[in-house]
């Protein structure tokens, strides 16, 4: 089984959504994890809602530090924000590293519905990018 590690600074929104989506899209051929250089310690509730809306499980998603993956073999490491690209350590056991920057939905402003729509948009962008990579 291949292992994808998705990295973001806080490991609370984009990387969490990507982890859940990758687990599903990987069809049992991929293990997916996410981590951050400065994890917030929680997963944003709207990220969880966005994941649940597309029928993916949210159990087991938690904010983790990238250091716990430094010695693990990683087939693919993907940074999903520019800060993570700069602040995450080099992963010596990663076979491939990619950078896919997405907007941070936690920065969205407006009404509750406008903010939730931002989370949905970013979720869908992440989903398309992962599906494109896997096909």
N, C-alpha and C. Protein backbone atom coordinates (compact mmCIF):
# COMPACT_ATOMS: atom_id res chain seq x y z
N UNK A 1 0.85 -1.18 0.00
CA UNK A 1 0.00 0.00 0.00
C UNK A 1 0.89 1.24 0.00
N UNK A 2 0.58 2.20 -0.88
CA UNK A 2 1.32 3.45 -0.93
C UNK A 2 0.84 4.39 0.15
N UNK A 3 1.73 5.33 0.54
CA UNK A 3 1.41 6.28 1.61
C UNK A 3 1.56 7.70 1.10
N UNK A 4 0.45 8.46 1.16
CA UNK A 4 0.45 9.89 0.83
C UNK A 4 0.38 10.68 2.13
N UNK A 5 1.24 11.67 2.27
CA UNK A 5 1.25 12.57 3.42
C UNK A 5 0.93 13.96 2.91
N UNK A 6 -0.13 14.55 3.42
CA UNK A 6 -0.55 15.88 3.00
C UNK A 6 -0.18 16.86 4.11
N UNK A 7 0.52 17.92 3.73
CA UNK A 7 1.07 18.85 4.71
C UNK A 7 0.50 20.25 4.54
N UNK A 8 0.16 20.85 5.68
CA UNK A 8 -0.30 22.23 5.74
C UNK A 8 0.23 22.79 7.06
N UNK A 9 0.29 24.06 7.20
CA UNK A 9 0.87 24.64 8.40
C UNK A 9 0.12 24.22 9.66
N UNK A 10 -1.19 24.47 9.72
CA UNK A 10 -1.95 24.21 10.93
C UNK A 10 -2.59 22.83 11.01
N UNK A 11 -2.63 22.12 9.89
CA UNK A 11 -3.24 20.80 9.82
C UNK A 11 -4.65 20.81 10.41
N UNK A 12 -5.43 21.81 9.98
CA UNK A 12 -6.80 21.91 10.51
C UNK A 12 -7.87 21.97 9.43
N UNK A 13 -7.53 22.34 8.20
CA UNK A 13 -8.56 22.48 7.16
C UNK A 13 -8.20 21.72 5.88
N UNK A 14 -7.35 22.33 5.05
CA UNK A 14 -7.06 21.78 3.72
C UNK A 14 -6.45 20.39 3.78
N UNK A 15 -5.45 20.21 4.63
CA UNK A 15 -4.80 18.90 4.70
C UNK A 15 -5.73 17.84 5.27
N UNK A 16 -6.62 18.23 6.17
CA UNK A 16 -7.58 17.29 6.73
C UNK A 16 -8.59 16.85 5.67
N UNK A 17 -9.07 17.82 4.89
CA UNK A 17 -10.00 17.46 3.82
C UNK A 17 -9.30 16.56 2.81
N UNK A 18 -8.05 16.88 2.48
CA UNK A 18 -7.30 16.07 1.52
C UNK A 18 -7.07 14.66 2.05
N UNK A 19 -6.79 14.53 3.34
CA UNK A 19 -6.59 13.21 3.93
C UNK A 19 -7.84 12.35 3.75
N UNK A 20 -8.99 12.88 4.10
CA UNK A 20 -10.24 12.12 4.00
C UNK A 20 -10.55 11.78 2.54
N UNK A 21 -10.36 12.73 1.66
CA UNK A 21 -10.65 12.51 0.24
C UNK A 21 -9.69 11.47 -0.34
N UNK A 22 -8.40 11.57 0.01
CA UNK A 22 -7.40 10.64 -0.53
C UNK A 22 -7.68 9.21 -0.07
N UNK A 23 -8.08 9.07 1.18
CA UNK A 23 -8.41 7.73 1.69
C UNK A 23 -9.50 7.09 0.85
N UNK A 24 -10.50 7.89 0.50
CA UNK A 24 -11.62 7.38 -0.29
C UNK A 24 -11.19 7.15 -1.74
N UNK A 25 -10.57 8.14 -2.36
CA UNK A 25 -10.20 8.07 -3.77
C UNK A 25 -9.11 7.03 -4.03
N UNK A 26 -8.31 6.73 -3.01
CA UNK A 26 -7.22 5.78 -3.16
C UNK A 26 -7.68 4.34 -3.31
N UNK A 27 -8.94 4.09 -3.06
CA UNK A 27 -9.52 2.77 -3.29
C UNK A 27 -8.82 1.62 -2.61
N UNK A 28 -8.28 1.85 -1.41
CA UNK A 28 -7.60 0.78 -0.70
C UNK A 28 -6.16 0.56 -1.12
N UNK A 29 -5.71 1.31 -2.13
CA UNK A 29 -4.32 1.19 -2.60
C UNK A 29 -3.41 2.21 -1.94
N UNK A 30 -4.01 3.21 -1.28
CA UNK A 30 -3.26 4.28 -0.65
C UNK A 30 -3.66 4.42 0.81
N UNK A 31 -2.67 4.65 1.65
CA UNK A 31 -2.87 5.11 3.01
C UNK A 31 -2.67 6.63 2.95
N UNK A 32 -3.52 7.39 3.60
CA UNK A 32 -3.40 8.84 3.59
C UNK A 32 -3.28 9.35 5.02
N UNK A 33 -2.36 10.30 5.20
CA UNK A 33 -2.16 10.96 6.49
C UNK A 33 -2.02 12.44 6.22
N UNK A 34 -2.21 13.24 7.26
CA UNK A 34 -1.96 14.67 7.14
C UNK A 34 -1.24 15.14 8.39
N UNK A 35 -0.52 16.25 8.25
CA UNK A 35 0.24 16.80 9.37
C UNK A 35 0.55 18.26 9.09
N UNK A 36 1.06 18.93 10.12
CA UNK A 36 1.40 20.34 9.97
C UNK A 36 2.68 20.69 10.70
N UNK A 37 3.31 21.77 10.27
CA UNK A 37 4.51 22.27 10.92
C UNK A 37 4.18 22.93 12.25
N UNK A 38 3.00 23.52 12.33
CA UNK A 38 2.50 24.16 13.55
C UNK A 38 1.04 23.77 13.74
N UNK A 39 0.78 22.51 14.08
CA UNK A 39 -0.61 22.06 14.16
C UNK A 39 -1.40 22.83 15.21
N UNK A 40 -2.65 23.11 14.86
CA UNK A 40 -3.52 23.86 15.75
C UNK A 40 -4.03 23.02 16.92
N UNK A 41 -4.01 21.70 16.74
CA UNK A 41 -4.51 20.82 17.79
C UNK A 41 -5.96 20.42 17.58
N UNK A 42 -6.61 21.00 16.56
CA UNK A 42 -7.99 20.59 16.28
C UNK A 42 -8.26 20.69 14.79
N UNK A 43 -9.33 20.04 14.37
CA UNK A 43 -9.78 20.11 12.99
C UNK A 43 -10.93 21.11 12.94
N UNK A 44 -10.86 22.03 12.00
CA UNK A 44 -11.87 23.07 11.87
C UNK A 44 -13.25 22.42 11.68
N UNK A 45 -14.26 22.84 12.45
CA UNK A 45 -15.58 22.23 12.34
C UNK A 45 -16.20 22.33 10.95
N UNK A 46 -15.91 23.41 10.23
CA UNK A 46 -16.47 23.54 8.88
C UNK A 46 -15.76 22.62 7.89
N UNK A 47 -14.50 22.30 8.14
CA UNK A 47 -13.81 21.30 7.31
C UNK A 47 -14.45 19.94 7.53
N UNK A 48 -14.75 19.63 8.78
CA UNK A 48 -15.44 18.37 9.07
C UNK A 48 -16.81 18.32 8.41
N UNK A 49 -17.53 19.43 8.45
CA UNK A 49 -18.85 19.50 7.82
C UNK A 49 -18.73 19.31 6.32
N UNK A 50 -17.74 19.94 5.70
CA UNK A 50 -17.54 19.83 4.25
C UNK A 50 -17.22 18.39 3.86
N UNK A 51 -16.45 17.71 4.66
CA UNK A 51 -16.11 16.31 4.38
C UNK A 51 -17.36 15.44 4.53
N UNK A 52 -18.09 15.64 5.61
CA UNK A 52 -19.28 14.83 5.86
C UNK A 52 -20.33 15.03 4.77
N UNK A 53 -20.41 16.25 4.22
CA UNK A 53 -21.41 16.54 3.18
C UNK A 53 -21.25 15.66 1.94
N UNK A 54 -20.03 15.20 1.69
CA UNK A 54 -19.82 14.35 0.51
C UNK A 54 -19.75 12.87 0.91
N UNK A 55 -20.21 12.60 2.12
CA UNK A 55 -20.36 11.21 2.56
C UNK A 55 -19.10 10.51 3.01
N UNK A 56 -18.06 11.28 3.33
CA UNK A 56 -16.82 10.66 3.79
C UNK A 56 -16.76 10.66 5.31
N UNK A 57 -16.16 9.62 5.89
CA UNK A 57 -16.05 9.55 7.35
C UNK A 57 -15.09 10.60 7.90
N UNK A 58 -15.44 11.12 9.06
CA UNK A 58 -14.58 12.13 9.70
C UNK A 58 -13.91 11.57 10.95
N UNK A 59 -14.26 10.33 11.32
CA UNK A 59 -13.67 9.74 12.52
C UNK A 59 -12.17 9.51 12.28
N UNK A 60 -11.40 9.75 13.30
CA UNK A 60 -9.96 9.54 13.23
C UNK A 60 -9.18 10.73 12.71
N UNK A 61 -9.85 11.78 12.24
CA UNK A 61 -9.13 12.97 11.77
C UNK A 61 -8.70 13.78 12.97
N UNK A 62 -7.43 14.04 13.07
CA UNK A 62 -6.90 14.84 14.17
C UNK A 62 -5.68 15.62 13.70
N UNK A 63 -5.44 16.75 14.33
CA UNK A 63 -4.32 17.61 13.99
C UNK A 63 -3.03 17.00 14.53
N UNK A 64 -2.05 16.79 13.62
CA UNK A 64 -0.81 16.11 13.99
C UNK A 64 0.41 16.93 13.54
N UNK A 65 1.53 16.70 14.18
CA UNK A 65 2.78 17.37 13.82
C UNK A 65 3.54 16.54 12.81
N UNK A 66 4.15 17.21 11.85
CA UNK A 66 4.89 16.53 10.79
C UNK A 66 6.05 15.69 11.34
N UNK A 67 6.59 16.07 12.49
CA UNK A 67 7.73 15.34 13.04
C UNK A 67 7.45 13.86 13.24
N UNK A 68 6.21 13.50 13.48
CA UNK A 68 5.90 12.09 13.72
C UNK A 68 6.03 11.25 12.44
N UNK A 69 6.20 11.90 11.29
CA UNK A 69 6.33 11.18 10.02
C UNK A 69 7.75 11.23 9.44
N UNK A 70 8.68 11.86 10.14
CA UNK A 70 10.01 12.07 9.57
C UNK A 70 10.76 10.77 9.26
N UNK A 71 10.50 9.73 10.00
CA UNK A 71 11.22 8.47 9.78
C UNK A 71 10.39 7.44 9.02
N UNK A 72 9.16 7.80 8.66
CA UNK A 72 8.30 6.86 7.93
C UNK A 72 8.56 6.92 6.44
N UNK A 73 8.51 5.78 5.78
CA UNK A 73 8.58 5.82 4.31
C UNK A 73 7.30 6.45 3.75
N UNK A 74 7.48 7.43 2.90
CA UNK A 74 6.35 8.15 2.30
C UNK A 74 6.51 8.06 0.78
N UNK A 75 5.47 7.61 0.11
CA UNK A 75 5.53 7.54 -1.35
C UNK A 75 5.35 8.93 -1.96
N UNK A 76 4.46 9.72 -1.35
CA UNK A 76 4.17 11.04 -1.88
C UNK A 76 3.87 12.00 -0.74
N UNK A 77 4.58 13.12 -0.72
CA UNK A 77 4.29 14.21 0.22
C UNK A 77 3.77 15.38 -0.60
N UNK A 78 2.64 15.94 -0.17
CA UNK A 78 2.02 17.05 -0.89
C UNK A 78 1.80 18.20 0.08
N UNK A 79 2.38 19.35 -0.22
CA UNK A 79 2.08 20.55 0.56
C UNK A 79 0.90 21.25 -0.11
N UNK A 80 -0.06 21.69 0.72
CA UNK A 80 -1.27 22.30 0.19
C UNK A 80 -1.37 23.79 0.53
N UNK A 81 -0.30 24.34 1.08
CA UNK A 81 -0.25 25.79 1.30
C UNK A 81 1.20 26.25 1.18
N UNK A 82 1.37 27.51 0.81
CA UNK A 82 2.72 28.04 0.61
C UNK A 82 3.52 28.06 1.90
N UNK A 83 2.88 28.34 3.04
CA UNK A 83 3.61 28.35 4.30
C UNK A 83 4.18 26.98 4.62
N UNK A 84 3.43 25.93 4.34
CA UNK A 84 3.91 24.57 4.60
C UNK A 84 5.11 24.25 3.72
N UNK A 85 5.08 24.74 2.49
CA UNK A 85 6.20 24.52 1.58
C UNK A 85 7.49 25.08 2.18
N UNK A 86 7.37 26.21 2.85
CA UNK A 86 8.53 26.86 3.45
C UNK A 86 8.86 26.35 4.85
N UNK A 87 7.84 25.96 5.63
CA UNK A 87 8.09 25.66 7.04
C UNK A 87 8.19 24.18 7.38
N UNK A 88 7.70 23.31 6.54
CA UNK A 88 7.79 21.88 6.85
C UNK A 88 9.20 21.38 6.55
N UNK A 89 9.68 20.51 7.39
CA UNK A 89 11.04 19.99 7.17
C UNK A 89 11.08 19.10 5.93
N UNK A 90 12.27 18.93 5.40
CA UNK A 90 12.46 18.00 4.31
C UNK A 90 12.16 16.60 4.82
N UNK A 91 11.43 15.84 4.07
CA UNK A 91 11.09 14.48 4.46
C UNK A 91 12.08 13.52 3.79
N UNK A 92 13.06 13.04 4.55
CA UNK A 92 14.13 12.24 3.94
C UNK A 92 13.67 10.92 3.33
N UNK A 93 12.51 10.44 3.75
CA UNK A 93 12.04 9.14 3.25
C UNK A 93 10.88 9.28 2.27
N UNK A 94 10.69 10.48 1.72
CA UNK A 94 9.62 10.69 0.74
C UNK A 94 10.17 10.45 -0.66
N UNK A 95 9.49 9.61 -1.42
CA UNK A 95 9.92 9.32 -2.79
C UNK A 95 9.62 10.46 -3.74
N UNK A 96 8.52 11.17 -3.50
CA UNK A 96 8.11 12.26 -4.38
C UNK A 96 7.48 13.35 -3.53
N UNK A 97 7.75 14.61 -3.90
CA UNK A 97 7.14 15.73 -3.20
C UNK A 97 6.53 16.68 -4.22
N UNK A 98 5.27 17.06 -3.97
CA UNK A 98 4.55 17.98 -4.85
C UNK A 98 4.00 19.15 -4.04
N UNK A 99 3.75 20.24 -4.73
CA UNK A 99 3.15 21.42 -4.08
C UNK A 99 1.88 21.78 -4.82
N UNK A 100 0.75 21.67 -4.12
CA UNK A 100 -0.55 22.02 -4.65
C UNK A 100 -1.17 23.07 -3.74
N UNK A 101 -0.92 24.35 -3.96
CA UNK A 101 -1.47 25.37 -3.07
C UNK A 101 -2.97 25.60 -3.30
N UNK A 102 -3.70 25.68 -2.20
CA UNK A 102 -5.13 25.98 -2.23
C UNK A 102 -5.38 27.16 -1.29
N UNK A 103 -6.44 27.92 -1.56
CA UNK A 103 -6.84 28.99 -0.66
C UNK A 103 -7.16 28.40 0.71
N UNK A 104 -6.93 29.20 1.76
CA UNK A 104 -7.25 28.76 3.12
C UNK A 104 -8.70 29.14 3.43
N UNK A 105 -9.59 28.15 3.51
CA UNK A 105 -10.99 28.49 3.78
C UNK A 105 -11.20 29.07 5.18
N UNK A 106 -10.27 28.84 6.09
CA UNK A 106 -10.39 29.41 7.43
C UNK A 106 -10.27 30.94 7.40
N UNK A 107 -9.74 31.49 6.30
CA UNK A 107 -9.61 32.94 6.16
C UNK A 107 -10.85 33.57 5.53
N UNK A 108 -11.83 32.76 5.16
CA UNK A 108 -13.03 33.28 4.48
C UNK A 108 -13.81 34.20 5.40
N UNK A 109 -14.42 35.20 4.80
CA UNK A 109 -15.27 36.13 5.53
C UNK A 109 -16.63 36.19 4.85
N UNK A 110 -17.59 36.73 5.55
CA UNK A 110 -18.93 36.88 5.00
C UNK A 110 -19.95 36.21 5.90
N UNK A 111 -21.08 35.88 5.30
CA UNK A 111 -22.13 35.20 6.04
C UNK A 111 -21.71 33.76 6.30
N UNK A 112 -22.44 33.09 7.18
CA UNK A 112 -22.15 31.68 7.44
C UNK A 112 -22.19 30.87 6.16
N UNK A 113 -23.16 31.14 5.32
CA UNK A 113 -23.29 30.39 4.07
C UNK A 113 -22.14 30.70 3.11
N UNK A 114 -21.71 31.95 3.04
CA UNK A 114 -20.58 32.32 2.17
C UNK A 114 -19.30 31.64 2.65
N UNK A 115 -19.09 31.60 3.94
CA UNK A 115 -17.90 30.94 4.49
C UNK A 115 -17.97 29.44 4.20
N UNK A 116 -19.14 28.82 4.41
CA UNK A 116 -19.28 27.39 4.13
C UNK A 116 -19.07 27.11 2.65
N UNK A 117 -19.52 28.00 1.79
CA UNK A 117 -19.31 27.83 0.35
C UNK A 117 -17.83 27.86 0.00
N UNK A 118 -17.05 28.64 0.72
CA UNK A 118 -15.60 28.67 0.51
C UNK A 118 -15.00 27.31 0.88
N UNK A 119 -15.42 26.75 2.00
CA UNK A 119 -14.94 25.41 2.39
C UNK A 119 -15.32 24.39 1.32
N UNK A 120 -16.53 24.48 0.80
CA UNK A 120 -16.97 23.54 -0.24
C UNK A 120 -16.14 23.69 -1.51
N UNK A 121 -15.88 24.94 -1.90
CA UNK A 121 -15.09 25.19 -3.12
C UNK A 121 -13.70 24.59 -2.98
N UNK A 122 -13.04 24.86 -1.86
CA UNK A 122 -11.69 24.34 -1.65
C UNK A 122 -11.71 22.81 -1.58
N UNK A 123 -12.71 22.25 -0.88
CA UNK A 123 -12.86 20.79 -0.83
C UNK A 123 -12.95 20.21 -2.23
N UNK A 124 -13.77 20.82 -3.07
CA UNK A 124 -13.97 20.31 -4.43
C UNK A 124 -12.71 20.47 -5.28
N UNK A 125 -11.97 21.55 -5.10
CA UNK A 125 -10.70 21.73 -5.81
C UNK A 125 -9.70 20.66 -5.39
N UNK A 126 -9.64 20.38 -4.10
CA UNK A 126 -8.74 19.34 -3.59
C UNK A 126 -9.15 17.98 -4.17
N UNK A 127 -10.43 17.73 -4.16
CA UNK A 127 -10.93 16.44 -4.67
C UNK A 127 -10.55 16.24 -6.14
N UNK A 128 -10.74 17.28 -6.96
CA UNK A 128 -10.38 17.18 -8.39
C UNK A 128 -8.88 16.94 -8.56
N UNK A 129 -8.08 17.64 -7.79
CA UNK A 129 -6.62 17.50 -7.92
C UNK A 129 -6.17 16.09 -7.56
N UNK A 130 -6.73 15.55 -6.49
CA UNK A 130 -6.39 14.19 -6.07
C UNK A 130 -6.85 13.19 -7.12
N UNK A 131 -8.07 13.33 -7.61
CA UNK A 131 -8.59 12.40 -8.62
C UNK A 131 -7.75 12.48 -9.89
N UNK A 132 -7.34 13.68 -10.29
CA UNK A 132 -6.48 13.83 -11.48
C UNK A 132 -5.15 13.11 -11.26
N UNK A 133 -4.59 13.24 -10.08
CA UNK A 133 -3.29 12.59 -9.80
C UNK A 133 -3.44 11.07 -9.84
N UNK A 134 -4.51 10.57 -9.29
CA UNK A 134 -4.68 9.12 -9.18
C UNK A 134 -5.11 8.45 -10.48
N UNK A 135 -5.55 9.24 -11.47
CA UNK A 135 -5.98 8.62 -12.73
C UNK A 135 -4.94 8.76 -13.81
